[in-house]
């Protein structure tokens, strides 16, 4: 088992649709030397780690600054639910329930 790439899934297109122009995806090293996804506006030069396809983070969630651990995925963010205290290393806007609310049809399949 190893790393793989599937065209159309690399930048979340299958779940979020195409990245709107003039935005481009870039991977830069963060201050700890780990890869982090950034979105660059090729017209203005603006750089953000917030995906322009996503709505604002729900008010009961906050993004945390965190040092990546060996248990974290290569590209990740850490988020805390302010109501429950739950901390996760993935964006809650990409949970199956949140994607279904956006109209994404969720299917389970196995790659072998």
PDB file of N, CA and C in Angstrom:
ATOM      1  N   UNK A   1       0.851  -1.166   0.000  1.00  0.00           N
ATOM      2  CA  UNK A   1       0.000   0.000   0.000  1.00  0.00           C
ATOM      3  C   UNK A   1       0.897   1.230   0.000  1.00  0.00           C
ATOM      4  N   UNK A   2       0.483   2.286  -0.712  1.00  0.00           N
ATOM      5  CA  UNK A   2       1.290   3.490  -0.751  1.00  0.00           C
ATOM      6  C   UNK A   2       0.484   4.683  -1.202  1.00  0.00           C
ATOM      7  N   UNK A   3       1.188   5.764  -1.460  1.00  0.00           N
ATOM      8  CA  UNK A   3       0.557   7.003  -1.896  1.00  0.00           C
ATOM      9  C   UNK A   3       0.093   6.846  -3.334  1.00  0.00           C
ATOM     10  N   UNK A   4      -1.059   7.417  -3.639  1.00  0.00           N
ATOM     11  CA  UNK A   4      -1.567   7.382  -5.009  1.00  0.00           C
ATOM     12  C   UNK A   4      -2.204   8.725  -5.335  1.00  0.00           C
ATOM     13  N   UNK A   5      -2.479   8.909  -6.598  1.00  0.00           N
ATOM     14  CA  UNK A   5      -3.122  10.135  -7.054  1.00  0.00           C
ATOM     15  C   UNK A   5      -4.232   9.754  -8.015  1.00  0.00           C
ATOM     16  N   UNK A   6      -5.355  10.421  -7.900  1.00  0.00           N
ATOM     17  CA  UNK A   6      -6.487  10.172  -8.776  1.00  0.00           C
ATOM     18  C   UNK A   6      -6.911  11.504  -9.369  1.00  0.00           C
ATOM     19  N   UNK A   7      -6.742  11.648 -10.686  1.00  0.00           N
ATOM     20  CA  UNK A   7      -7.053  12.909 -11.356  1.00  0.00           C
ATOM     21  C   UNK A   7      -8.488  13.335 -11.013  1.00  0.00           C
ATOM     22  N   UNK A   8      -8.645  14.610 -10.690  1.00  0.00           N
ATOM     23  CA  UNK A   8      -9.956  15.120 -10.330  1.00  0.00           C
ATOM     24  C   UNK A   8     -10.267  15.024  -8.848  1.00  0.00           C
ATOM     25  N   UNK A   9      -9.395  14.390  -8.076  1.00  0.00           N
ATOM     26  CA  UNK A   9      -9.592  14.277  -6.636  1.00  0.00           C
ATOM     27  C   UNK A   9      -8.496  15.006  -5.869  1.00  0.00           C
ATOM     28  N   UNK A  10      -7.416  15.391  -6.528  1.00  0.00           N
ATOM     29  CA  UNK A  10      -6.249  15.960  -5.881  1.00  0.00           C
ATOM     30  C   UNK A  10      -6.565  17.214  -5.074  1.00  0.00           C
ATOM     31  N   UNK A  11      -7.343  18.105  -5.632  1.00  0.00           N
ATOM     32  CA  UNK A  11      -7.642  19.377  -4.963  1.00  0.00           C
ATOM     33  C   UNK A  11      -9.088  19.464  -4.494  1.00  0.00           C
ATOM     34  N   UNK A  12      -9.712  18.316  -4.264  1.00  0.00           N
ATOM     35  CA  UNK A  12     -11.070  18.278  -3.736  1.00  0.00           C
ATOM     36  C   UNK A  12     -12.159  18.523  -4.761  1.00  0.00           C
ATOM     37  N   UNK A  13     -11.830  18.471  -6.045  1.00  0.00           N
ATOM     38  CA  UNK A  13     -12.830  18.763  -7.073  1.00  0.00           C
ATOM     39  C   UNK A  13     -14.045  17.836  -7.012  1.00  0.00           C
ATOM     40  N   UNK A  14     -13.817  16.570  -6.666  1.00  0.00           N
ATOM     41  CA  UNK A  14     -14.918  15.609  -6.641  1.00  0.00           C
ATOM     42  C   UNK A  14     -15.952  15.959  -5.564  1.00  0.00           C
ATOM     43  N   UNK A  15     -15.513  16.627  -4.503  1.00  0.00           N
ATOM     44  CA  UNK A  15     -16.426  16.976  -3.413  1.00  0.00           C
ATOM     45  C   UNK A  15     -16.882  18.422  -3.463  1.00  0.00           C
ATOM     46  N   UNK A  16     -16.023  19.314  -3.930  1.00  0.00           N
ATOM     47  CA  UNK A  16     -16.311  20.750  -3.851  1.00  0.00           C
ATOM     48  C   UNK A  16     -16.503  21.414  -5.214  1.00  0.00           C
ATOM     49  N   UNK A  17     -16.255  20.667  -6.274  1.00  0.00           N
ATOM     50  CA  UNK A  17     -16.342  21.255  -7.608  1.00  0.00           C
ATOM     51  C   UNK A  17     -15.027  21.922  -7.971  1.00  0.00           C
ATOM     52  N   UNK A  18     -14.970  22.476  -9.188  1.00  0.00           N
ATOM     53  CA  UNK A  18     -13.726  23.085  -9.639  1.00  0.00           C
ATOM     54  C   UNK A  18     -13.384  24.347  -8.843  1.00  0.00           C
ATOM     55  N   UNK A  19     -12.114  24.615  -8.754  1.00  0.00           N
ATOM     56  CA  UNK A  19     -11.646  25.828  -8.091  1.00  0.00           C
ATOM     57  C   UNK A  19     -11.992  27.012  -8.982  1.00  0.00           C
ATOM     58  N   UNK A  20     -12.663  28.031  -8.441  1.00  0.00           N
ATOM     59  CA  UNK A  20     -13.056  29.164  -9.290  1.00  0.00           C
ATOM     60  C   UNK A  20     -11.833  29.978  -9.728  1.00  0.00           C
ATOM     61  N   UNK A  21     -11.910  30.479 -10.933  1.00  0.00           N
ATOM     62  CA  UNK A  21     -10.862  31.364 -11.442  1.00  0.00           C
ATOM     63  C   UNK A  21     -10.949  32.667 -10.677  1.00  0.00           C
ATOM     64  N   UNK A  22      -9.880  33.282 -10.322  1.00  0.00           N
ATOM     65  CA  UNK A  22      -8.484  33.079 -10.675  1.00  0.00           C
ATOM     66  C   UNK A  22      -7.687  32.326  -9.614  1.00  0.00           C
ATOM     67  N   UNK A  23      -8.338  31.498  -8.780  1.00  0.00           N
ATOM     68  CA  UNK A  23      -7.668  30.804  -7.692  1.00  0.00           C
ATOM     69  C   UNK A  23      -6.880  29.605  -8.201  1.00  0.00           C
ATOM     70  N   UNK A  24      -5.716  29.373  -7.604  1.00  0.00           N
ATOM     71  CA  UNK A  24      -4.838  28.239  -7.900  1.00  0.00           C
ATOM     72  C   UNK A  24      -4.431  27.609  -6.574  1.00  0.00           C
ATOM     73  N   UNK A  25      -4.215  26.298  -6.573  1.00  0.00           N
ATOM     74  CA  UNK A  25      -3.754  25.597  -5.375  1.00  0.00           C
ATOM     75  C   UNK A  25      -2.237  25.511  -5.408  1.00  0.00           C
ATOM     76  N   UNK A  26      -1.631  25.787  -4.276  1.00  0.00           N
ATOM     77  CA  UNK A  26      -0.186  25.643  -4.128  1.00  0.00           C
ATOM     78  C   UNK A  26       0.084  24.976  -2.786  1.00  0.00           C
ATOM     79  N   UNK A  27       1.161  24.240  -2.722  1.00  0.00           N
ATOM     80  CA  UNK A  27       1.584  23.639  -1.458  1.00  0.00           C
ATOM     81  C   UNK A  27       2.886  24.311  -1.063  1.00  0.00           C
ATOM     82  N   UNK A  28       2.896  24.844   0.150  1.00  0.00           N
ATOM     83  CA  UNK A  28       4.078  25.514   0.695  1.00  0.00           C
ATOM     84  C   UNK A  28       4.434  24.847   2.012  1.00  0.00           C
ATOM     85  N   UNK A  29       5.663  25.030   2.436  1.00  0.00           N
ATOM     86  CA  UNK A  29       6.055  24.552   3.753  1.00  0.00           C
ATOM     87  C   UNK A  29       5.575  25.544   4.803  1.00  0.00           C
ATOM     88  N   UNK A  30       5.032  25.016   5.888  1.00  0.00           N
ATOM     89  CA  UNK A  30       4.641  25.894   6.983  1.00  0.00           C
ATOM     90  C   UNK A  30       5.864  26.196   7.848  1.00  0.00           C
ATOM     91  N   UNK A  31       5.664  26.913   8.936  1.00  0.00           N
ATOM     92  CA  UNK A  31       6.791  27.319   9.784  1.00  0.00           C
ATOM     93  C   UNK A  31       7.484  26.134  10.460  1.00  0.00           C
ATOM     94  N   UNK A  32       6.815  24.970  10.484  1.00  0.00           N
ATOM     95  CA  UNK A  32       7.408  23.771  11.079  1.00  0.00           C
ATOM     96  C   UNK A  32       8.027  22.853  10.025  1.00  0.00           C
ATOM     97  N   UNK A  33       7.995  23.276   8.762  1.00  0.00           N
ATOM     98  CA  UNK A  33       8.604  22.486   7.696  1.00  0.00           C
ATOM     99  C   UNK A  33       7.703  21.431   7.084  1.00  0.00           C
ATOM    100  N   UNK A  34       6.402  21.482   7.381  1.00  0.00           N
ATOM    101  CA  UNK A  34       5.454  20.528   6.812  1.00  0.00           C
ATOM    102  C   UNK A  34       4.682  21.173   5.675  1.00  0.00           C
ATOM    103  N   UNK A  35       4.237  20.321   4.735  1.00  0.00           N
ATOM    104  CA  UNK A  35       3.426  20.802   3.622  1.00  0.00           C
ATOM    105  C   UNK A  35       2.103  21.368   4.117  1.00  0.00           C
ATOM    106  N   UNK A  36       1.669  22.471   3.508  1.00  0.00           N
ATOM    107  CA  UNK A  36       0.368  23.050   3.816  1.00  0.00           C
ATOM    108  C   UNK A  36      -0.215  23.590   2.516  1.00  0.00           C
ATOM    109  N   UNK A  37      -1.497  23.329   2.299  1.00  0.00           N
ATOM    110  CA  UNK A  37      -2.164  23.817   1.094  1.00  0.00           C
ATOM    111  C   UNK A  37      -2.478  25.297   1.252  1.00  0.00           C
ATOM    112  N   UNK A  38      -2.205  26.057   0.203  1.00  0.00           N
ATOM    113  CA  UNK A  38      -2.585  27.474   0.132  1.00  0.00           C
ATOM    114  C   UNK A  38      -3.333  27.702  -1.167  1.00  0.00           C
ATOM    115  N   UNK A  39      -4.181  28.679  -1.163  1.00  0.00           N
ATOM    116  CA  UNK A  39      -4.908  29.083  -2.351  1.00  0.00           C
ATOM    117  C   UNK A  39      -4.420  30.472  -2.716  1.00  0.00           C
ATOM    118  N   UNK A  40      -3.974  30.612  -3.956  1.00  0.00           N
ATOM    119  CA  UNK A  40      -3.391  31.859  -4.438  1.00  0.00           C
ATOM    120  C   UNK A  40      -4.319  32.463  -5.488  1.00  0.00           C
ATOM    121  N   UNK A  41      -4.659  33.733  -5.304  1.00  0.00           N
ATOM    122  CA  UNK A  41      -5.407  34.463  -6.316  1.00  0.00           C
ATOM    123  C   UNK A  41      -4.389  34.996  -7.310  1.00  0.00           C
ATOM    124  N   UNK A  42      -4.404  34.463  -8.541  1.00  0.00           N
ATOM    125  CA  UNK A  42      -3.382  34.822  -9.523  1.00  0.00           C
ATOM    126  C   UNK A  42      -3.515  36.253 -10.029  1.00  0.00           C
ATOM    127  N   UNK A  43      -4.643  36.913  -9.769  1.00  0.00           N
ATOM    128  CA  UNK A  43      -4.800  38.317 -10.172  1.00  0.00           C
ATOM    129  C   UNK A  43      -4.285  39.285  -9.110  1.00  0.00           C
ATOM    130  N   UNK A  44      -4.592  38.980  -7.845  1.00  0.00           N
ATOM    131  CA  UNK A  44      -4.242  39.910  -6.773  1.00  0.00           C
ATOM    132  C   UNK A  44      -2.997  39.488  -5.992  1.00  0.00           C
ATOM    133  N   UNK A  45      -2.607  38.219  -6.099  1.00  0.00           N
ATOM    134  CA  UNK A  45      -1.485  37.709  -5.331  1.00  0.00           C
ATOM    135  C   UNK A  45      -1.878  37.299  -3.917  1.00  0.00           C
ATOM    136  N   UNK A  46      -3.171  37.469  -3.564  1.00  0.00           N
ATOM    137  CA  UNK A  46      -3.639  37.078  -2.234  1.00  0.00           C
ATOM    138  C   UNK A  46      -3.369  35.598  -2.007  1.00  0.00           C
ATOM    139  N   UNK A  47      -2.930  35.249  -0.801  1.00  0.00           N
ATOM    140  CA  UNK A  47      -2.652  33.876  -0.427  1.00  0.00           C
ATOM    141  C   UNK A  47      -3.410  33.569   0.858  1.00  0.00           C
ATOM    142  N   UNK A  48      -4.135  32.457   0.872  1.00  0.00           N
ATOM    143  CA  UNK A  48      -4.894  32.060   2.051  1.00  0.00           C
ATOM    144  C   UNK A  48      -4.911  30.545   2.146  1.00  0.00           C
ATOM    145  N   UNK A  49      -5.037  30.015   3.347  1.00  0.00           N
ATOM    146  CA  UNK A  49      -5.210  28.571   3.466  1.00  0.00           C
ATOM    147  C   UNK A  49      -6.685  28.192   3.470  1.00  0.00           C
ATOM    148  N   UNK A  50      -7.575  29.199   3.448  1.00  0.00           N
ATOM    149  CA  UNK A  50      -9.018  28.954   3.386  1.00  0.00           C
ATOM    150  C   UNK A  50      -9.429  28.652   1.946  1.00  0.00           C
ATOM    151  N   UNK A  51     -10.058  27.517   1.728  1.00  0.00           N
ATOM    152  CA  UNK A  51     -10.525  27.130   0.399  1.00  0.00           C
ATOM    153  C   UNK A  51     -11.659  28.066  -0.015  1.00  0.00           C
ATOM    154  N   UNK A  52     -11.516  28.762  -1.149  1.00  0.00           N
ATOM    155  CA  UNK A  52     -12.560  29.714  -1.557  1.00  0.00           C
ATOM    156  C   UNK A  52     -13.885  29.048  -1.911  1.00  0.00           C
ATOM    157  N   UNK A  53     -13.905  27.737  -2.016  1.00  0.00           N
ATOM    158  CA  UNK A  53     -15.156  27.024  -2.316  1.00  0.00           C
ATOM    159  C   UNK A  53     -15.974  26.737  -1.067  1.00  0.00           C
ATOM    160  N   UNK A  54     -15.374  26.886   0.102  1.00  0.00           N
ATOM    161  CA  UNK A  54     -16.068  26.561   1.347  1.00  0.00           C
ATOM    162  C   UNK A  54     -16.686  27.793   1.986  1.00  0.00           C
ATOM    163  N   UNK A  55     -17.823  27.584   2.632  1.00  0.00           N
ATOM    164  CA  UNK A  55     -18.453  28.643   3.405  1.00  0.00           C
ATOM    165  C   UNK A  55     -17.621  28.881   4.666  1.00  0.00           C
ATOM    166  N   UNK A  56     -17.977  29.910   5.391  1.00  0.00           N
ATOM    167  CA  UNK A  56     -17.259  30.207   6.636  1.00  0.00           C
ATOM    168  C   UNK A  56     -17.399  29.033   7.609  1.00  0.00           C
ATOM    169  N   UNK A  57     -16.409  28.871   8.452  1.00  0.00           N
ATOM    170  CA  UNK A  57     -16.443  27.843   9.474  1.00  0.00           C
ATOM    171  C   UNK A  57     -17.628  28.117  10.404  1.00  0.00           C
ATOM    172  N   UNK A  58     -18.451  27.098  10.718  1.00  0.00           N
ATOM    173  CA  UNK A  58     -19.571  27.330  11.639  1.00  0.00           C
ATOM    174  C   UNK A  58     -19.077  27.946  12.949  1.00  0.00           C
ATOM    175  N   UNK A  59     -19.893  28.792  13.552  1.00  0.00           N
ATOM    176  CA  UNK A  59     -19.459  29.561  14.724  1.00  0.00           C
ATOM    177  C   UNK A  59     -19.075  28.685  15.915  1.00  0.00           C
ATOM    178  N   UNK A  60     -19.589  27.465  15.980  1.00  0.00           N
ATOM    179  CA  UNK A  60     -19.236  26.597  17.114  1.00  0.00           C
ATOM    180  C   UNK A  60     -17.940  25.821  16.872  1.00  0.00           C
ATOM    181  N   UNK A  61     -17.269  26.059  15.754  1.00  0.00           N
ATOM    182  CA  UNK A  61     -15.964  25.454  15.474  1.00  0.00           C
ATOM    183  C   UNK A  61     -14.918  26.539  15.390  1.00  0.00           C
ATOM    184  N   UNK A  62     -13.700  26.212  15.804  1.00  0.00           N
ATOM    185  CA  UNK A  62     -12.579  27.124  15.639  1.00  0.00           C
ATOM    186  C   UNK A  62     -11.376  26.342  15.146  1.00  0.00           C
ATOM    187  N   UNK A  63     -10.573  26.981  14.289  1.00  0.00           N
ATOM    188  CA  UNK A  63      -9.351  26.344  13.835  1.00  0.00           C
ATOM    189  C   UNK A  63      -8.264  26.630  14.855  1.00  0.00           C
ATOM    190  N   UNK A  64      -7.495  25.619  15.183  1.00  0.00           N
ATOM    191  CA  UNK A  64      -6.433  25.738  16.164  1.00  0.00           C
ATOM    192  C   UNK A  64      -5.079  25.747  15.474  1.00  0.00           C
ATOM    193  N   UNK A  65      -4.148  26.461  16.056  1.00  0.00           N
ATOM    194  CA  UNK A  65      -2.756  26.343  15.635  1.00  0.00           C
ATOM    195  C   UNK A  65      -2.232  25.089  16.309  1.00  0.00           C
ATOM    196  N   UNK A  66      -1.559  24.251  15.556  1.00  0.00           N
ATOM    197  CA  UNK A  66      -1.077  23.003  16.157  1.00  0.00           C
ATOM    198  C   UNK A  66       0.165  22.534  15.432  1.00  0.00           C
ATOM    199  N   UNK A  67       1.011  21.879  16.160  1.00  0.00           N
ATOM    200  CA  UNK A  67       2.184  21.245  15.573  1.00  0.00           C
ATOM    201  C   UNK A  67       1.746  19.875  15.064  1.00  0.00           C
ATOM    202  N   UNK A  68       2.063  19.575  13.830  1.00  0.00           N
ATOM    203  CA  UNK A  68       1.708  18.295  13.228  1.00  0.00           C
ATOM    204  C   UNK A  68       2.417  17.165  13.959  1.00  0.00           C
ATOM    205  N   UNK A  69       1.694  16.078  14.209  1.00  0.00           N
ATOM    206  CA  UNK A  69       2.267  14.896  14.831  1.00  0.00           C
ATOM    207  C   UNK A  69       2.363  13.784  13.792  1.00  0.00           C
ATOM    208  N   UNK A  70       3.103  12.727  14.075  1.00  0.00           N
ATOM    209  CA  UNK A  70       3.184  11.606  13.121  1.00  0.00           C
ATOM    210  C   UNK A  70       1.829  10.954  12.843  1.00  0.00           C
ATOM    211  N   UNK A  71       0.856  11.135  13.741  1.00  0.00           N
ATOM    212  CA  UNK A  71      -0.472  10.544  13.543  1.00  0.00           C
ATOM    213  C   UNK A  71      -1.371  11.383  12.641  1.00  0.00           C
ATOM    214  N   UNK A  72      -0.957  12.596  12.319  1.00  0.00           N
ATOM    215  CA  UNK A  72      -1.771  13.470  11.482  1.00  0.00           C
ATOM    216  C   UNK A  72      -1.538  13.171  10.007  1.00  0.00           C
ATOM    217  N   UNK A  73      -2.562  13.428   9.177  1.00  0.00           N
ATOM    218  CA  UNK A  73      -2.363  13.287   7.742  1.00  0.00           C
ATOM    219  C   UNK A  73      -1.325  14.298   7.259  1.00  0.00           C
ATOM    220  N   UNK A  74      -0.771  14.044   6.079  1.00  0.00           N
ATOM    221  CA  UNK A  74       0.255  14.920   5.528  1.00  0.00           C
ATOM    222  C   UNK A  74      -0.233  16.367   5.458  1.00  0.00           C
ATOM    223  N   UNK A  75      -1.425  16.573   4.959  1.00  0.00           N
ATOM    224  CA  UNK A  75      -2.019  17.908   4.889  1.00  0.00           C
ATOM    225  C   UNK A  75      -3.218  17.917   5.831  1.00  0.00           C
ATOM    226  N   UNK A  76      -3.217  18.798   6.800  1.00  0.00           N
ATOM    227  CA  UNK A  76      -4.292  18.782   7.781  1.00  0.00           C
ATOM    228  C   UNK A  76      -4.474  20.147   8.416  1.00  0.00           C
ATOM    229  N   UNK A  77      -5.555  20.306   9.104  1.00  0.00           N
ATOM    230  CA  UNK A  77      -5.811  21.431   9.982  1.00  0.00           C
ATOM    231  C   UNK A  77      -6.384  20.859  11.262  1.00  0.00           C
ATOM    232  N   UNK A  78      -6.237  21.548  12.350  1.00  0.00           N
ATOM    233  CA  UNK A  78      -6.790  21.067  13.608  1.00  0.00           C
ATOM    234  C   UNK A  78      -7.935  22.001  13.989  1.00  0.00           C
ATOM    235  N   UNK A  79      -9.081  21.386  14.361  1.00  0.00           N
ATOM    236  CA  UNK A  79     -10.289  22.140  14.659  1.00  0.00           C
ATOM    237  C   UNK A  79     -10.867  21.678  15.977  1.00  0.00           C
ATOM    238  N   UNK A  80     -11.487  22.618  16.701  1.00  0.00           N
ATOM    239  CA  UNK A  80     -12.116  22.289  17.989  1.00  0.00           C
ATOM    240  C   UNK A  80     -13.553  22.759  17.974  1.00  0.00           C
ATOM    241  N   UNK A  81     -14.441  21.859  18.411  1.00  0.00           N
ATOM    242  CA  UNK A  81     -15.842  22.203  18.584  1.00  0.00           C
ATOM    243  C   UNK A  81     -15.964  22.889  19.935  1.00  0.00           C
ATOM    244  N   UNK A  82     -16.352  24.158  19.940  1.00  0.00           N
ATOM    245  CA  UNK A  82     -16.420  24.933  21.179  1.00  0.00           C
ATOM    246  C   UNK A  82     -17.550  24.479  22.098  1.00  0.00           C
ATOM    247  N   UNK A  83     -18.529  23.741  21.562  1.00  0.00           N
ATOM    248  CA  UNK A  83     -19.636  23.267  22.390  1.00  0.00           C
ATOM    249  C   UNK A  83     -19.314  21.948  23.076  1.00  0.00           C
ATOM    250  N   UNK A  84     -18.657  21.038  22.346  1.00  0.00           N
ATOM    251  CA  UNK A  84     -18.407  19.700  22.883  1.00  0.00           C
ATOM    252  C   UNK A  84     -16.965  19.489  23.333  1.00  0.00           C
ATOM    253  N   UNK A  85     -16.047  20.350  22.879  1.00  0.00           N
ATOM    254  CA  UNK A  85     -14.636  20.174  23.184  1.00  0.00           C
ATOM    255  C   UNK A  85     -13.928  19.208  22.243  1.00  0.00           C
ATOM    256  N   UNK A  86     -14.683  18.595  21.314  1.00  0.00           N
ATOM    257  CA  UNK A  86     -14.080  17.653  20.360  1.00  0.00           C
ATOM    258  C   UNK A  86     -12.995  18.358  19.549  1.00  0.00           C
ATOM    259  N   UNK A  87     -11.846  17.704  19.413  1.00  0.00           N
ATOM    260  CA  UNK A  87     -10.754  18.214  18.588  1.00  0.00           C
ATOM    261  C   UNK A  87     -10.523  17.203  17.484  1.00  0.00           C
ATOM    262  N   UNK A  88     -10.424  17.689  16.247  1.00  0.00           N
ATOM    263  CA  UNK A  88     -10.196  16.792  15.116  1.00  0.00           C
ATOM    264  C   UNK A  88      -9.137  17.367  14.200  1.00  0.00           C
ATOM    265  N   UNK A  89      -8.499  16.493  13.412  1.00  0.00           N
ATOM    266  CA  UNK A  89      -7.461  16.948  12.495  1.00  0.00           C
ATOM    267  C   UNK A  89      -7.971  17.009  11.061  1.00  0.00           C
ATOM    268  N   UNK A  90      -9.254  17.312  10.919  1.00  0.00           N
ATOM    269  CA  UNK A  90      -9.842  17.509   9.603  1.00  0.00           C
ATOM    270  C   UNK A  90     -10.926  18.577   9.697  1.00  0.00           C
ATOM    271  N   UNK A  91     -11.177  19.202   8.572  1.00  0.00           N
ATOM    272  CA  UNK A  91     -12.116  20.319   8.516  1.00  0.00           C
ATOM    273  C   UNK A  91     -13.556  19.809   8.678  1.00  0.00           C
ATOM    274  N   UNK A  92     -14.297  20.306   9.670  1.00  0.00           N
ATOM    275  CA  UNK A  92     -15.669  19.841   9.883  1.00  0.00           C
ATOM    276  C   UNK A  92     -16.595  20.170   8.704  1.00  0.00           C
ATOM    277  N   UNK A  93     -16.201  21.113   7.862  1.00  0.00           N
ATOM    278  CA  UNK A  93     -17.015  21.430   6.681  1.00  0.00           C
ATOM    279  C   UNK A  93     -16.928  20.333   5.629  1.00  0.00           C
ATOM    280  N   UNK A  94     -16.015  19.365   5.844  1.00  0.00           N
ATOM    281  CA  UNK A  94     -15.863  18.253   4.907  1.00  0.00           C
ATOM    282  C   UNK A  94     -16.378  16.934   5.477  1.00  0.00           C
ATOM    283  N   UNK A  95     -17.053  16.990   6.623  1.00  0.00           N
ATOM    284  CA  UNK A  95     -17.678  15.788   7.167  1.00  0.00           C
ATOM    285  C   UNK A  95     -18.812  15.352   6.236  1.00  0.00           C
ATOM    286  N   UNK A  96     -19.118  14.058   6.191  1.00  0.00           N
ATOM    287  CA  UNK A  96     -20.181  13.595   5.293  1.00  0.00           C
ATOM    288  C   UNK A  96     -21.497  14.374   5.434  1.00  0.00           C
ATOM    289  N   UNK A  97     -21.905  14.677   6.669  1.00  0.00           N
ATOM    290  CA  UNK A  97     -23.169  15.405   6.875  1.00  0.00           C
ATOM    291  C   UNK A  97     -23.117  16.799   6.240  1.00  0.00           C
ATOM    292  N   UNK A  98     -21.967  17.477   6.404  1.00  0.00           N
ATOM    293  CA  UNK A  98     -21.816  18.823   5.853  1.00  0.00           C
ATOM    294  C   UNK A  98     -21.808  18.772   4.323  1.00  0.00           C
ATOM    295  N   UNK A  99     -21.150  17.777   3.755  1.00  0.00           N
ATOM    296  CA  UNK A  99     -21.122  17.645   2.299  1.00  0.00           C
ATOM    297  C   UNK A  99     -22.507  17.327   1.756  1.00  0.00           C
ATOM    298  N   UNK A 100     -23.240  16.468   2.445  1.00  0.00           N
ATOM    299  CA  UNK A 100     -24.601  16.149   2.007  1.00  0.00           C
ATOM    300  C   UNK A 100     -25.488  17.390   2.022  1.00  0.00           C
ATOM    301  N   UNK A 101     -25.304  18.278   3.030  1.00  0.00           N
ATOM    302  CA  UNK A 101     -26.064  19.529   3.076  1.00  0.00           C
ATOM    303  C   UNK A 101     -25.775  20.410   1.867  1.00  0.00           C
ATOM    304  N   UNK A 102     -24.552  20.293   1.330  1.00  0.00           N
ATOM    305  CA  UNK A 102     -24.155  21.053   0.141  1.00  0.00           C
ATOM    306  C   UNK A 102     -24.673  20.425  -1.139  1.00  0.00           C
ATOM    307  N   UNK A 103     -25.295  19.229  -1.019  1.00  0.00           N
ATOM    308  CA  UNK A 103     -25.815  18.542  -2.195  1.00  0.00           C
ATOM    309  C   UNK A 103     -24.888  17.506  -2.782  1.00  0.00           C
ATOM    310  N   UNK A 104     -23.795  17.196  -2.081  1.00  0.00           N
ATOM    311  CA  UNK A 104     -22.868  16.167  -2.562  1.00  0.00           C
ATOM    312  C   UNK A 104     -23.461  14.804  -2.240  1.00  0.00           C
ATOM    313  N   UNK A 105     -23.561  13.954  -3.264  1.00  0.00           N
ATOM    314  CA  UNK A 105     -24.053  12.592  -3.055  1.00  0.00           C
ATOM    315  C   UNK A 105     -22.893  11.755  -2.518  1.00  0.00           C
ATOM    316  N   UNK A 106     -23.040  11.240  -1.316  1.00  0.00           N
ATOM    317  CA  UNK A 106     -21.994  10.453  -0.672  1.00  0.00           C
ATOM    318  C   UNK A 106     -22.212   8.980  -0.987  1.00  0.00           C
ATOM    319  N   UNK A 107     -21.188   8.346  -1.478  1.00  0.00           N
ATOM    320  CA  UNK A 107     -21.195   6.919  -1.748  1.00  0.00           C
ATOM    321  C   UNK A 107     -20.000   6.274  -1.089  1.00  0.00           C
ATOM    322  N   UNK A 108     -20.158   5.062  -0.620  1.00  0.00           N
ATOM    323  CA  UNK A 108     -19.058   4.307  -0.037  1.00  0.00           C
ATOM    324  C   UNK A 108     -18.601   3.283  -1.064  1.00  0.00           C
ATOM    325  N   UNK A 109     -17.299   3.242  -1.298  1.00  0.00           N
ATOM    326  CA  UNK A 109     -16.755   2.235  -2.192  1.00  0.00           C
ATOM    327  C   UNK A 109     -15.367   1.848  -1.706  1.00  0.00           C
ATOM    328  N   UNK A 110     -14.915   0.700  -2.156  1.00  0.00           N
ATOM    329  CA  UNK A 110     -13.628   0.168  -1.709  1.00  0.00           C
ATOM    330  C   UNK A 110     -12.677   0.099  -2.879  1.00  0.00           C
ATOM    331  N   UNK A 111     -11.484   0.662  -2.673  1.00  0.00           N
ATOM    332  CA  UNK A 111     -10.428   0.574  -3.670  1.00  0.00           C
ATOM    333  C   UNK A 111      -9.554  -0.613  -3.312  1.00  0.00           C
ATOM    334  N   UNK A 112      -9.370  -1.506  -4.239  1.00  0.00           N
ATOM    335  CA  UNK A 112      -8.503  -2.659  -3.991  1.00  0.00           C
ATOM    336  C   UNK A 112      -7.397  -2.744  -5.000  1.00  0.00           C
TER     337      UNK A 112
END
